C-alpha atoms as a PDB file:
ATOM      1  CA  GLN A   1      26.575 -42.747  31.084  1.00  0.00           C
ATOM      2  CA  VAL A   2      25.857 -41.188  27.721  1.00  0.00           C
ATOM      3  CA  ARG A   3      23.144 -38.540  27.836  1.00  0.00           C
ATOM      4  CA  VAL A   4      21.592 -36.121  25.417  1.00  0.00           C
ATOM      5  CA  VAL A   5      20.132 -32.793  26.530  1.00  0.00           C
ATOM      6  CA  GLU A   6      18.025 -30.738  24.172  1.00  0.00           C
ATOM      7  CA  SER A   7      17.304 -27.034  24.588  1.00  0.00           C
ATOM      8  CA  GLY A   8      16.150 -23.951  22.719  1.00  0.00           C
ATOM      9  CA  GLY A   9      12.487 -24.710  22.217  1.00  0.00           C
ATOM     10  CA  GLY A  10       9.632 -22.357  22.967  1.00  0.00           C
ATOM     11  CA  LEU A  11       6.592 -20.573  21.603  1.00  0.00           C
ATOM     12  CA  VAL A  12       6.987 -18.956  18.200  1.00  0.00           C
ATOM     13  CA  GLN A  13       4.599 -17.423  15.695  1.00  0.00           C
ATOM     14  CA  PRO A  14       4.062 -18.985  12.272  1.00  0.00           C
ATOM     15  CA  GLY A  15       6.861 -17.928   9.949  1.00  0.00           C
ATOM     16  CA  GLY A  16       9.294 -17.541  12.805  1.00  0.00           C
ATOM     17  CA  SER A  17      12.573 -19.295  13.529  1.00  0.00           C
ATOM     18  CA  LEU A  18      14.160 -21.235  16.336  1.00  0.00           C
ATOM     19  CA  ARG A  19      17.641 -22.641  16.811  1.00  0.00           C
ATOM     20  CA  LEU A  20      17.745 -25.728  18.976  1.00  0.00           C
ATOM     21  CA  SER A  21      20.748 -27.269  20.643  1.00  0.00           C
ATOM     22  CA  CYS A  22      21.435 -30.920  21.451  1.00  0.00           C
ATOM     23  CA  ALA A  23      24.396 -31.618  23.707  1.00  0.00           C
ATOM     24  CA  VAL A  24      25.752 -35.134  24.124  1.00  0.00           C
ATOM     25  CA  SER A  25      27.672 -35.883  27.325  1.00  0.00           C
ATOM     26  CA  GLY A  26      29.453 -38.963  28.583  1.00  0.00           C
ATOM     27  CA  VAL A  27      31.199 -39.635  25.294  1.00  0.00           C
ATOM     28  CA  SER A  28      34.523 -38.468  23.977  1.00  0.00           C
ATOM     29  CA  GLY A  29      34.692 -36.009  21.122  1.00  0.00           C
ATOM     30  CA  SER A  30      36.401 -38.593  18.961  1.00  0.00           C
ATOM     31  CA  ILE A  31      33.494 -40.994  19.416  1.00  0.00           C
ATOM     32  CA  PHE A  32      30.881 -38.289  18.835  1.00  0.00           C
ATOM     33  CA  SER A  33      32.593 -37.147  15.675  1.00  0.00           C
ATOM     34  CA  ILE A  34      32.270 -40.544  13.987  1.00  0.00           C
ATOM     35  CA  LYS A  35      28.588 -40.977  14.815  1.00  0.00           C
ATOM     36  CA  SER A  36      25.742 -40.102  12.524  1.00  0.00           C
ATOM     37  CA  MET A  37      23.273 -38.015  14.498  1.00  0.00           C
ATOM     38  CA  SER A  38      19.556 -37.658  14.111  1.00  0.00           C
ATOM     39  CA  TRP A  39      16.859 -35.195  15.025  1.00  0.00           C
ATOM     40  CA  TYR A  40      13.380 -36.449  15.798  1.00  0.00           C
ATOM     41  CA  ARG A  41      10.102 -34.885  16.806  1.00  0.00           C
ATOM     42  CA  GLN A  42       6.925 -36.130  18.444  1.00  0.00           C
ATOM     43  CA  PRO A  43       3.790 -34.102  17.677  1.00  0.00           C
ATOM     44  CA  PRO A  44       0.994 -34.180  20.274  1.00  0.00           C
ATOM     45  CA  GLY A  45      -0.799 -37.524  20.171  1.00  0.00           C
ATOM     46  CA  LYS A  46       1.419 -38.894  17.418  1.00  0.00           C
ATOM     47  CA  PRO A  47       4.441 -41.185  17.298  1.00  0.00           C
ATOM     48  CA  ARG A  48       8.004 -39.926  17.151  1.00  0.00           C
ATOM     49  CA  GLU A  49       9.243 -39.251  13.604  1.00  0.00           C
ATOM     50  CA  LEU A  50      12.643 -38.683  12.049  1.00  0.00           C
ATOM     51  CA  VAL A  51      13.124 -35.090  10.916  1.00  0.00           C
ATOM     52  CA  ALA A  52      16.750 -34.987   9.801  1.00  0.00           C
ATOM     53  CA  ALA A  53      20.076 -36.743  10.064  1.00  0.00           C
ATOM     54  CA  ILE A  54      23.706 -35.726   9.657  1.00  0.00           C
ATOM     55  CA  THR A  55      26.619 -38.065   9.048  1.00  0.00           C
ATOM     56  CA  SER A  56      30.058 -37.777  10.567  1.00  0.00           C
ATOM     57  CA  GLY A  57      31.159 -36.124   7.339  1.00  0.00           C
ATOM     58  CA  GLY A  58      28.392 -33.551   7.437  1.00  0.00           C
ATOM     59  CA  THR A  59      26.059 -35.004   4.815  1.00  0.00           C
ATOM     60  CA  THR A  60      22.486 -34.132   5.721  1.00  0.00           C
ATOM     61  CA  THR A  61      19.099 -35.613   4.898  1.00  0.00           C
ATOM     62  CA  TYR A  62      15.651 -34.221   5.713  1.00  0.00           C
ATOM     63  CA  THR A  63      12.111 -35.466   5.696  1.00  0.00           C
ATOM     64  CA  ASP A  64      10.101 -33.914   2.863  1.00  0.00           C
ATOM     65  CA  SER A  65       7.923 -31.746   5.101  1.00  0.00           C
ATOM     66  CA  VAL A  66      10.907 -29.714   6.367  1.00  0.00           C
ATOM     67  CA  LYS A  67      13.126 -29.556   3.288  1.00  0.00           C
ATOM     68  CA  GLY A  68      14.138 -25.997   2.503  1.00  0.00           C
ATOM     69  CA  ARG A  69      13.096 -24.784   5.967  1.00  0.00           C
ATOM     70  CA  PHE A  70      15.171 -26.760   8.443  1.00  0.00           C
ATOM     71  CA  THR A  71      18.912 -27.297   8.560  1.00  0.00           C
ATOM     72  CA  ILE A  72      21.078 -29.353  10.882  1.00  0.00           C
ATOM     73  CA  SER A  73      24.728 -28.804  11.725  1.00  0.00           C
ATOM     74  CA  ARG A  74      27.167 -30.172  14.266  1.00  0.00           C
ATOM     75  CA  ASP A  75      30.123 -28.989  16.305  1.00  0.00           C
ATOM     76  CA  ASN A  76      32.238 -32.061  17.006  1.00  0.00           C
ATOM     77  CA  ALA A  77      34.546 -30.089  19.314  1.00  0.00           C
ATOM     78  CA  LYS A  78      31.569 -29.458  21.602  1.00  0.00           C
ATOM     79  CA  ASN A  79      29.664 -32.746  21.078  1.00  0.00           C
ATOM     80  CA  THR A  80      26.705 -30.645  20.039  1.00  0.00           C
ATOM     81  CA  LEU A  81      24.093 -30.729  17.319  1.00  0.00           C
ATOM     82  CA  PHE A  82      22.363 -27.554  16.095  1.00  0.00           C
ATOM     83  CA  PRO A  83      18.975 -27.930  14.462  1.00  0.00           C
ATOM     84  CA  GLN A  84      17.867 -24.671  12.859  1.00  0.00           C
ATOM     85  CA  MET A  85      14.191 -24.255  12.058  1.00  0.00           C
ATOM     86  CA  ASN A  86      12.948 -21.465   9.781  1.00  0.00           C
ATOM     87  CA  VAL A  87       9.548 -20.551   8.355  1.00  0.00           C
ATOM     88  CA  LEU A  88       7.882 -22.510  11.126  1.00  0.00           C
ATOM     89  CA  LYS A  89       4.349 -23.803  10.643  1.00  0.00           C
ATOM     90  CA  PRO A  90       1.722 -24.866  13.193  1.00  0.00           C
ATOM     91  CA  GLU A  91       2.245 -28.473  12.093  1.00  0.00           C
ATOM     92  CA  ASP A  92       5.847 -28.238  13.313  1.00  0.00           C
ATOM     93  CA  THR A  93       4.519 -28.151  16.881  1.00  0.00           C
ATOM     94  CA  ALA A  94       6.148 -31.074  18.676  1.00  0.00           C
ATOM     95  CA  VAL A  95       8.688 -32.135  21.256  1.00  0.00           C
ATOM     96  CA  TYR A  96      12.068 -32.280  19.524  1.00  0.00           C
ATOM     97  CA  HIS A  97      14.729 -34.862  20.363  1.00  0.00           C
ATOM     98  CA  CYS A  98      18.217 -35.746  19.232  1.00  0.00           C
ATOM     99  CA  ASN A  99      19.945 -39.105  19.184  1.00  0.00           C
ATOM    100  CA  THR A 100      22.464 -41.079  17.252  1.00  0.00           C
ATOM    101  CA  GLU A 101      21.338 -42.585  13.961  1.00  0.00           C
ATOM    102  CA  PRO A 102      20.195 -45.257  14.467  1.00  0.00           C
ATOM    103  CA  PRO A 103      19.126 -44.314  18.019  1.00  0.00           C
ATOM    104  CA  GLN A 104      21.494 -45.762  20.611  1.00  0.00           C
ATOM    105  CA  ILE A 105      21.150 -43.296  23.508  1.00  0.00           C
ATOM    106  CA  ASN A 106      18.340 -43.249  26.052  1.00  0.00           C
ATOM    107  CA  TRP A 107      15.893 -40.600  24.910  1.00  0.00           C
ATOM    108  CA  GLY A 108      16.160 -37.279  26.720  1.00  0.00           C
ATOM    109  CA  GLN A 109      13.208 -35.126  27.697  1.00  0.00           C
ATOM    110  CA  GLY A 110      13.410 -33.207  24.477  1.00  0.00           C
ATOM    111  CA  THR A 111      12.594 -29.565  23.994  1.00  0.00           C
ATOM    112  CA  PRO A 112       9.018 -28.483  23.193  1.00  0.00           C
ATOM    113  CA  VAL A 113       8.282 -26.250  20.229  1.00  0.00           C
ATOM    114  CA  THR A 114       4.882 -24.628  19.832  1.00  0.00           C
ATOM    115  CA  VAL A 115       4.066 -22.725  16.664  1.00  0.00           C
ATOM    116  CA  SER A 116       0.988 -20.613  17.176  1.00  0.00           C
ATOM    117  CA  SER A 117      -0.279 -17.094  16.702  1.00  0.00           C
END
């Protein structure tokens, strides 16, 4: 069974940084490497939204609210996605998830990020 496990979230002050990790298991590295991957977040009381995506070739796209602050990278040898969040703002508070793009894996629990002083 293909699973995704997110980690690295926590409490951070405004302006701080966090590096998340999304590990995909149950799939071979060759399959993972050809998949576009996505990074979503769900703020409290709001629907899940797409934050960023990365193609198999490494091309990245970001939603406007995180451009210049967030980056996403992948390690195909480890079936892992690495969202990097810098200059965090209170409005970045959310539970962060990873999936394929479009989403094809059952959603994991995500990793919560709280930006607060």
